[in-house]
N, C-alpha and C. Protein backbone atom coordinates (compact mmCIF):
# COMPACT_ATOMS: atom_id res chain seq x y z
N MET A 1 -144.25 128.74 -92.35
CA MET A 1 -145.11 127.41 -91.64
C MET A 1 -144.19 126.73 -90.73
N ARG A 2 -144.94 125.95 -89.33
CA ARG A 2 -144.24 125.49 -88.32
C ARG A 2 -144.33 123.91 -88.80
N CYS A 3 -143.54 123.12 -88.31
CA CYS A 3 -143.71 121.82 -88.09
C CYS A 3 -144.74 121.16 -87.86
N GLU A 4 -145.60 121.34 -86.86
CA GLU A 4 -146.90 120.72 -86.52
C GLU A 4 -148.11 121.16 -87.24
N GLU A 5 -147.80 122.02 -87.86
CA GLU A 5 -148.86 122.08 -89.29
C GLU A 5 -148.84 121.17 -90.52
N ILE A 6 -147.47 120.52 -90.51
CA ILE A 6 -147.32 119.50 -91.59
C ILE A 6 -147.06 117.94 -91.22
N MET A 7 -146.81 118.12 -89.87
CA MET A 7 -146.03 116.57 -89.46
C MET A 7 -147.00 115.52 -89.51
N THR A 8 -147.18 114.32 -89.38
CA THR A 8 -148.04 113.28 -89.18
C THR A 8 -148.07 113.02 -88.19
N LYS A 9 -149.31 112.73 -87.26
CA LYS A 9 -149.33 112.96 -85.66
C LYS A 9 -149.82 111.35 -85.65
N GLY A 10 -149.64 111.02 -84.14
CA GLY A 10 -150.01 109.55 -83.89
C GLY A 10 -149.09 108.54 -84.32
N VAL A 11 -147.77 108.86 -83.79
CA VAL A 11 -146.88 108.01 -84.07
C VAL A 11 -146.90 106.66 -83.03
N ALA A 12 -146.62 105.63 -83.49
CA ALA A 12 -146.56 104.50 -83.14
C ALA A 12 -145.47 104.20 -82.78
N THR A 13 -144.72 103.92 -81.50
CA THR A 13 -143.44 103.73 -80.83
C THR A 13 -143.53 102.28 -80.28
N LEU A 14 -142.20 102.23 -79.99
CA LEU A 14 -141.48 100.97 -79.39
C LEU A 14 -140.69 100.60 -78.68
N ARG A 15 -140.38 100.07 -77.62
CA ARG A 15 -139.23 99.89 -76.48
C ARG A 15 -138.12 99.13 -77.29
N ARG A 16 -137.12 99.60 -76.32
CA ARG A 16 -135.99 98.71 -76.91
C ARG A 16 -135.93 97.54 -76.64
N GLU A 17 -136.78 96.87 -75.84
CA GLU A 17 -137.01 95.29 -75.49
C GLU A 17 -138.16 94.64 -76.33
N ALA A 18 -138.56 95.17 -77.29
CA ALA A 18 -139.32 94.59 -78.31
C ALA A 18 -138.60 93.75 -79.36
N THR A 19 -138.92 92.71 -79.67
CA THR A 19 -138.05 92.31 -80.65
C THR A 19 -138.47 92.59 -82.23
N VAL A 20 -137.85 92.73 -83.12
CA VAL A 20 -137.31 92.67 -84.63
C VAL A 20 -138.91 92.32 -85.07
N GLN A 21 -139.22 91.32 -84.51
CA GLN A 21 -140.37 90.79 -85.07
C GLN A 21 -141.92 91.51 -84.99
N GLU A 22 -141.72 92.06 -83.70
CA GLU A 22 -142.70 92.85 -83.26
C GLU A 22 -142.87 93.96 -84.00
N ALA A 23 -141.89 94.73 -83.92
CA ALA A 23 -141.47 95.70 -85.20
C ALA A 23 -141.94 95.72 -86.46
N ALA A 24 -141.56 94.83 -87.18
CA ALA A 24 -141.86 94.31 -88.76
C ALA A 24 -143.55 94.34 -88.60
N ARG A 25 -144.19 93.64 -87.50
CA ARG A 25 -145.63 93.51 -87.25
C ARG A 25 -146.21 95.54 -87.24
N LEU A 26 -145.74 95.73 -86.51
CA LEU A 26 -146.12 97.06 -86.24
C LEU A 26 -145.99 97.81 -87.61
N MET A 27 -144.75 97.73 -88.04
CA MET A 27 -144.77 98.34 -89.38
C MET A 27 -145.65 98.25 -90.22
N ALA A 28 -145.74 97.01 -90.65
CA ALA A 28 -146.85 96.22 -91.28
C ALA A 28 -148.32 96.73 -91.16
N GLU A 29 -148.63 96.80 -89.66
CA GLU A 29 -150.13 97.19 -89.39
C GLU A 29 -150.38 98.47 -89.72
N LYS A 30 -149.52 99.19 -89.24
CA LYS A 30 -149.26 100.71 -89.56
C LYS A 30 -148.90 101.19 -90.86
N ASP A 31 -148.50 100.34 -92.03
CA ASP A 31 -147.91 100.84 -93.09
C ASP A 31 -146.56 102.17 -92.98
N VAL A 32 -146.04 101.49 -92.58
CA VAL A 32 -144.81 102.64 -92.20
C VAL A 32 -143.29 101.96 -92.38
N GLY A 33 -142.42 102.20 -92.57
CA GLY A 33 -140.94 101.94 -92.62
C GLY A 33 -140.21 102.21 -91.41
N PHE A 34 -140.88 103.35 -90.70
CA PHE A 34 -139.85 103.97 -90.04
C PHE A 34 -140.55 103.72 -88.37
N VAL A 35 -139.95 103.53 -87.22
CA VAL A 35 -140.60 103.30 -85.82
C VAL A 35 -139.57 104.40 -85.06
N PRO A 36 -140.01 104.72 -84.00
CA PRO A 36 -139.60 105.86 -83.02
C PRO A 36 -139.10 104.52 -81.88
N VAL A 37 -138.19 104.61 -80.91
CA VAL A 37 -137.53 103.62 -79.91
C VAL A 37 -137.99 104.53 -79.09
N VAL A 38 -137.86 103.73 -78.07
CA VAL A 38 -138.04 104.90 -77.22
C VAL A 38 -137.80 104.14 -75.73
N ASP A 39 -137.67 104.81 -74.77
CA ASP A 39 -137.04 104.34 -72.95
C ASP A 39 -138.46 104.09 -72.47
N ASN A 40 -138.26 103.71 -71.00
CA ASN A 40 -139.15 103.89 -70.43
C ASN A 40 -140.13 105.13 -69.91
N SER A 41 -139.65 106.49 -69.90
CA SER A 41 -140.40 107.34 -69.88
C SER A 41 -140.80 107.86 -71.14
N GLY A 42 -140.90 106.92 -72.26
CA GLY A 42 -141.20 107.05 -73.54
C GLY A 42 -140.65 108.30 -74.41
N ALA A 43 -139.17 108.72 -74.08
CA ALA A 43 -138.31 109.66 -74.58
C ALA A 43 -137.65 108.85 -75.50
N VAL A 44 -137.43 109.58 -77.04
CA VAL A 44 -137.01 108.75 -77.81
C VAL A 44 -135.62 108.66 -77.78
N VAL A 45 -135.16 107.58 -77.85
CA VAL A 45 -133.89 106.96 -77.67
C VAL A 45 -132.75 106.69 -79.46
N GLY A 46 -133.78 106.65 -80.33
CA GLY A 46 -133.20 105.91 -81.61
C GLY A 46 -134.68 105.97 -82.30
N VAL A 47 -134.41 105.34 -83.54
CA VAL A 47 -135.18 105.08 -84.97
C VAL A 47 -135.25 103.50 -85.28
N LEU A 48 -135.97 102.96 -85.65
CA LEU A 48 -135.80 101.78 -86.62
C LEU A 48 -136.62 101.61 -87.69
N THR A 49 -135.62 101.19 -89.10
CA THR A 49 -136.71 101.69 -90.03
C THR A 49 -136.59 99.97 -90.80
N ASP A 50 -137.26 100.16 -91.60
CA ASP A 50 -137.50 98.68 -92.59
C ASP A 50 -135.96 98.20 -93.25
N ARG A 51 -135.50 99.15 -93.33
CA ARG A 51 -134.04 99.20 -94.17
C ARG A 51 -133.08 98.35 -92.61
N ASP A 52 -133.44 98.76 -91.78
CA ASP A 52 -132.49 98.85 -90.61
C ASP A 52 -132.54 96.68 -90.13
N ILE A 53 -133.82 96.35 -90.30
CA ILE A 53 -134.15 95.07 -90.18
C ILE A 53 -133.66 93.97 -91.59
N VAL A 54 -133.80 94.80 -92.27
CA VAL A 54 -132.92 93.71 -93.57
C VAL A 54 -131.39 93.88 -93.21
N VAL A 55 -130.98 94.80 -93.19
CA VAL A 55 -129.39 95.13 -93.06
C VAL A 55 -128.67 94.56 -92.09
N ARG A 56 -129.37 94.73 -90.53
CA ARG A 56 -128.67 94.10 -89.69
C ARG A 56 -129.16 92.76 -88.88
N VAL A 57 -130.50 92.32 -89.55
CA VAL A 57 -130.80 91.27 -88.79
C VAL A 57 -131.06 90.21 -89.94
N VAL A 58 -131.99 90.42 -90.50
CA VAL A 58 -131.97 89.43 -91.60
C VAL A 58 -131.18 89.11 -92.66
N ALA A 59 -130.22 90.17 -93.36
CA ALA A 59 -129.05 89.64 -93.89
C ALA A 59 -128.24 88.81 -93.20
N LYS A 60 -127.74 89.18 -91.99
CA LYS A 60 -126.86 88.26 -91.46
C LYS A 60 -127.44 86.95 -90.38
N GLY A 61 -128.81 87.09 -90.98
CA GLY A 61 -129.26 85.32 -90.55
C GLY A 61 -129.63 85.24 -89.09
N SER A 62 -130.08 86.74 -88.62
CA SER A 62 -130.52 86.87 -87.12
C SER A 62 -131.77 86.64 -87.25
N ASP A 63 -132.22 85.97 -85.91
CA ASP A 63 -133.36 85.06 -85.48
C ASP A 63 -134.57 86.45 -85.19
N VAL A 64 -135.49 87.29 -86.22
CA VAL A 64 -136.49 88.31 -85.75
C VAL A 64 -137.30 87.91 -84.71
N LYS A 65 -137.36 86.52 -84.30
CA LYS A 65 -138.37 86.20 -83.45
C LYS A 65 -137.85 86.65 -81.79
N THR A 66 -136.51 86.51 -81.86
CA THR A 66 -135.33 87.01 -80.54
C THR A 66 -134.75 88.08 -80.67
N SER A 67 -134.38 88.73 -81.55
CA SER A 67 -133.57 89.83 -82.07
C SER A 67 -134.25 91.03 -81.42
N LYS A 68 -133.85 91.95 -80.00
CA LYS A 68 -134.17 92.88 -79.78
C LYS A 68 -133.85 94.02 -80.49
N LEU A 69 -134.65 95.18 -80.38
CA LEU A 69 -134.24 96.46 -81.06
C LEU A 69 -133.26 96.82 -80.29
N ALA A 70 -132.93 96.76 -79.13
CA ALA A 70 -131.63 97.45 -78.42
C ALA A 70 -130.60 97.40 -79.40
N ASP A 71 -130.66 95.70 -80.06
CA ASP A 71 -129.15 95.43 -80.91
C ASP A 71 -129.14 95.76 -82.08
N VAL A 72 -130.29 96.44 -82.61
CA VAL A 72 -130.38 97.35 -83.93
C VAL A 72 -130.64 98.14 -84.25
N TYR A 73 -131.33 99.03 -83.51
CA TYR A 73 -132.03 100.15 -84.13
C TYR A 73 -130.90 101.27 -84.37
N SER A 74 -131.15 102.46 -85.19
CA SER A 74 -130.35 103.65 -85.10
C SER A 74 -130.36 104.42 -83.73
N ARG A 75 -129.18 104.90 -83.95
CA ARG A 75 -129.05 105.76 -82.42
C ARG A 75 -128.75 107.23 -82.94
N ASP A 76 -128.74 107.66 -83.82
CA ASP A 76 -128.49 109.07 -84.51
C ASP A 76 -129.63 109.35 -84.88
N LEU A 77 -130.11 109.92 -84.26
CA LEU A 77 -131.14 111.02 -84.14
C LEU A 77 -131.31 112.39 -84.73
N VAL A 78 -132.51 112.58 -85.35
CA VAL A 78 -132.86 113.40 -86.30
C VAL A 78 -134.19 114.22 -85.83
N CYS A 79 -133.60 115.21 -85.11
CA CYS A 79 -135.22 115.64 -84.47
C CYS A 79 -135.65 117.13 -84.63
N CYS A 80 -136.85 117.47 -84.43
CA CYS A 80 -137.03 118.69 -84.10
C CYS A 80 -138.23 119.12 -83.60
N SER A 81 -138.48 120.43 -83.18
CA SER A 81 -139.68 120.55 -81.70
C SER A 81 -141.09 121.15 -82.98
N PRO A 82 -142.34 120.49 -82.68
CA PRO A 82 -143.64 121.32 -83.42
C PRO A 82 -143.49 122.73 -83.58
N GLN A 83 -142.89 123.53 -82.67
CA GLN A 83 -142.91 124.99 -83.22
C GLN A 83 -142.01 125.66 -84.16
N ASP A 84 -140.95 124.69 -84.50
CA ASP A 84 -139.60 124.87 -85.35
C ASP A 84 -140.42 125.37 -86.64
N GLU A 85 -139.82 126.28 -87.62
CA GLU A 85 -140.15 126.51 -88.53
C GLU A 85 -139.89 125.29 -90.12
N VAL A 86 -140.61 125.11 -90.70
CA VAL A 86 -140.58 123.88 -91.37
C VAL A 86 -139.05 124.01 -92.29
N SER A 87 -138.71 125.40 -92.52
CA SER A 87 -137.31 125.39 -92.92
C SER A 87 -136.16 124.91 -92.54
N LYS A 88 -136.13 124.60 -90.87
CA LYS A 88 -135.49 124.46 -90.13
C LYS A 88 -135.26 122.50 -90.41
N ALA A 89 -136.48 122.02 -90.45
CA ALA A 89 -136.95 120.75 -90.67
C ALA A 89 -136.35 120.48 -92.15
N ARG A 90 -136.67 121.24 -93.17
CA ARG A 90 -135.95 121.03 -94.52
C ARG A 90 -134.24 121.16 -94.41
N GLN A 91 -133.70 121.75 -93.59
CA GLN A 91 -132.69 122.21 -93.81
C GLN A 91 -131.79 120.82 -92.97
N LEU A 92 -132.41 120.34 -91.96
CA LEU A 92 -131.70 119.30 -91.20
C LEU A 92 -131.99 117.77 -92.04
N MET A 93 -132.86 117.58 -92.49
CA MET A 93 -132.92 116.46 -93.78
C MET A 93 -132.26 116.74 -94.56
N GLN A 94 -132.12 117.74 -95.36
CA GLN A 94 -130.83 118.32 -96.19
C GLN A 94 -129.78 117.97 -95.80
N GLU A 95 -129.27 118.16 -94.34
CA GLU A 95 -127.86 118.34 -93.86
C GLU A 95 -127.59 116.82 -93.64
N ARG A 96 -128.61 116.27 -92.82
CA ARG A 96 -128.30 114.28 -91.91
C ARG A 96 -128.54 113.25 -93.53
N LYS A 97 -129.06 113.81 -94.68
CA LYS A 97 -129.67 113.16 -95.70
C LYS A 97 -130.52 112.05 -95.33
N VAL A 98 -131.66 112.63 -94.40
CA VAL A 98 -132.49 111.84 -93.85
C VAL A 98 -133.75 112.02 -94.75
N SER A 99 -134.84 110.83 -95.03
CA SER A 99 -136.12 111.15 -95.77
C SER A 99 -137.45 111.30 -95.30
N ARG A 100 -136.83 110.93 -93.59
CA ARG A 100 -137.82 111.33 -92.38
C ARG A 100 -137.29 111.48 -91.18
N MET A 101 -138.26 112.29 -90.42
CA MET A 101 -137.38 113.31 -89.10
C MET A 101 -138.74 112.99 -88.29
N LEU A 102 -137.81 112.79 -86.73
CA LEU A 102 -139.19 112.96 -85.55
C LEU A 102 -139.15 114.46 -85.02
N VAL A 103 -140.47 114.63 -84.61
CA VAL A 103 -140.63 115.99 -84.21
C VAL A 103 -141.28 115.37 -82.92
N CYS A 104 -140.13 116.19 -81.67
CA CYS A 104 -140.58 115.62 -80.33
C CYS A 104 -140.55 116.98 -79.29
N ASP A 105 -141.43 116.75 -78.62
CA ASP A 105 -141.53 117.59 -77.68
C ASP A 105 -140.58 117.69 -76.80
N GLU A 106 -141.17 118.83 -75.98
CA GLU A 106 -139.82 119.19 -74.69
C GLU A 106 -139.05 118.31 -73.84
N ARG A 107 -140.00 117.14 -73.78
CA ARG A 107 -139.32 115.89 -72.98
C ARG A 107 -138.37 114.70 -73.99
N ASN A 108 -138.84 114.88 -75.28
CA ASN A 108 -137.94 114.20 -76.01
C ASN A 108 -139.00 113.20 -76.60
N ARG A 109 -139.89 113.61 -76.47
CA ARG A 109 -141.12 112.35 -76.41
C ARG A 109 -141.92 112.89 -78.26
N PRO A 110 -141.58 111.50 -78.90
CA PRO A 110 -142.18 111.70 -80.44
C PRO A 110 -143.77 112.43 -80.13
N VAL A 111 -143.95 113.24 -81.03
CA VAL A 111 -145.27 113.78 -81.06
C VAL A 111 -145.62 113.79 -82.52
N GLY A 112 -144.61 113.58 -83.70
CA GLY A 112 -145.35 113.47 -85.08
C GLY A 112 -143.81 113.10 -85.78
N VAL A 113 -144.12 113.23 -87.44
CA VAL A 113 -142.83 112.62 -87.98
C VAL A 113 -143.15 113.84 -89.43
N ILE A 114 -142.08 113.98 -89.90
CA ILE A 114 -142.24 114.84 -90.74
C ILE A 114 -141.11 113.89 -92.22
N SER A 115 -141.56 113.88 -93.13
CA SER A 115 -141.50 113.17 -94.57
C SER A 115 -140.87 113.77 -95.78
N LEU A 116 -140.39 113.56 -96.65
CA LEU A 116 -140.12 114.30 -97.47
C LEU A 116 -142.04 114.94 -98.36
N GLN A 117 -142.58 113.38 -98.38
CA GLN A 117 -143.99 113.49 -98.88
C GLN A 117 -144.60 115.14 -97.96
N ASP A 118 -144.56 114.56 -96.74
CA ASP A 118 -145.03 116.25 -96.02
C ASP A 118 -144.51 117.46 -96.34
N LEU A 119 -143.31 117.25 -96.64
CA LEU A 119 -142.66 118.46 -97.48
C LEU A 119 -142.77 118.98 -98.72
N ALA A 120 -142.76 118.08 -99.09
CA ALA A 120 -143.71 118.10 -100.97
C ALA A 120 -145.12 118.98 -100.86
N HIS A 121 -146.04 118.79 -100.36
CA HIS A 121 -146.92 119.41 -100.03
C HIS A 121 -146.90 120.57 -99.18
N SER A 122 -146.09 121.14 -98.47
CA SER A 122 -146.00 122.00 -98.13
C SER A 122 -144.96 123.22 -98.96
N GLU A 123 -144.28 122.69 -100.13
CA GLU A 123 -143.23 123.84 -100.47
C GLU A 123 -143.82 123.90 -101.68
N ALA A 124 -142.94 124.89 -102.52
CA ALA A 124 -142.83 125.19 -103.67
C ALA A 124 -142.53 124.22 -104.51
N GLU A 125 -142.98 124.14 -106.12
CA GLU A 125 -142.34 122.92 -106.68
C GLU A 125 -141.13 122.92 -106.95
N GLY A 126 -140.03 124.12 -107.18
CA GLY A 126 -138.76 124.06 -107.12
C GLY A 126 -138.11 123.66 -106.26
N GLU A 127 -138.88 123.78 -104.90
CA GLU A 127 -137.92 123.91 -103.63
C GLU A 127 -138.01 122.34 -103.31
N ILE A 128 -139.08 121.93 -103.46
CA ILE A 128 -139.22 120.38 -103.12
C ILE A 128 -138.09 119.60 -103.86
N GLY A 129 -137.99 119.80 -105.30
CA GLY A 129 -137.16 119.38 -106.04
C GLY A 129 -135.66 119.21 -105.51
N LYS A 130 -135.34 120.77 -105.14
CA LYS A 130 -133.94 120.84 -104.80
C LYS A 130 -133.83 120.17 -103.32
N THR A 131 -134.86 120.02 -102.13
CA THR A 131 -134.42 119.13 -101.24
C THR A 131 -134.63 117.56 -101.39
N VAL A 132 -135.40 116.93 -102.08
CA VAL A 132 -135.28 115.67 -102.80
C VAL A 132 -133.66 115.21 -103.22
N ARG A 133 -133.31 116.29 -104.06
CA ARG A 133 -132.14 115.75 -104.89
C ARG A 133 -130.78 115.91 -103.49
N GLU A 134 -131.02 116.81 -102.94
CA GLU A 134 -129.84 117.03 -101.61
C GLU A 134 -129.93 115.82 -100.44
N VAL A 135 -131.23 115.26 -100.24
CA VAL A 135 -131.51 114.33 -99.47
C VAL A 135 -130.96 112.68 -99.77
N LYS A 136 -131.38 112.72 -101.41
CA LYS A 136 -130.66 111.96 -101.74
C LYS A 136 -129.56 111.70 -102.29
N GLU A 137 -128.86 112.72 -102.62
CA GLU A 137 -127.82 112.58 -103.02
C GLU A 137 -126.53 111.73 -102.45
N GLU A 138 -125.70 111.14 -103.36
CA GLU A 138 -124.57 109.98 -103.17
C GLU A 138 -123.89 110.65 -101.56
N GLY A 139 -123.62 109.88 -100.58
CA GLY A 139 -122.76 110.04 -99.90
C GLY A 139 -123.21 109.58 -98.54
N VAL A 140 -122.05 110.20 -97.42
CA VAL A 140 -122.98 109.55 -95.93
C VAL A 140 -123.74 110.16 -95.39
N GLY A 141 -124.48 109.20 -95.10
CA GLY A 141 -126.03 110.14 -94.21
C GLY A 141 -126.67 108.74 -93.34
N ALA A 142 -127.28 109.22 -92.70
CA ALA A 142 -128.34 107.86 -92.20
C ALA A 142 -129.58 107.97 -93.12
N VAL A 143 -130.19 107.04 -93.00
CA VAL A 143 -131.09 106.62 -93.75
C VAL A 143 -132.46 106.11 -92.94
N HIS A 144 -133.09 106.87 -92.86
CA HIS A 144 -134.23 107.19 -91.83
C HIS A 144 -135.73 106.56 -92.63
């Protein structure tokens, strides 16, 4: 099975120049906790999570109205292509300890997102348990 078969399509993105408040509003509107950050060409340069907002802005007392995404988004990207096998996405998520990852086209533009929930719908019961355990196990890793 290929990644394009299980990914969530229609990814909302924001540019680096957007404010944290704009990002929070978009996340609330779309009911997501993960937004790709793109450059002027639409190529992904990083991701912003609801956790990034809390840890890097709110907890430090910064103003969400004036703080720019360029100062707070995560630049550590985990991506796959729509044609990659789901097993590759699962392996990357396990290795990098992320619960969501981008699916990008040949120009590095986000076309979808794969989450643990997407994997759960595509994997055998025993395999998803292993994936979740490996993604969530204690240790250093990015949180997406």
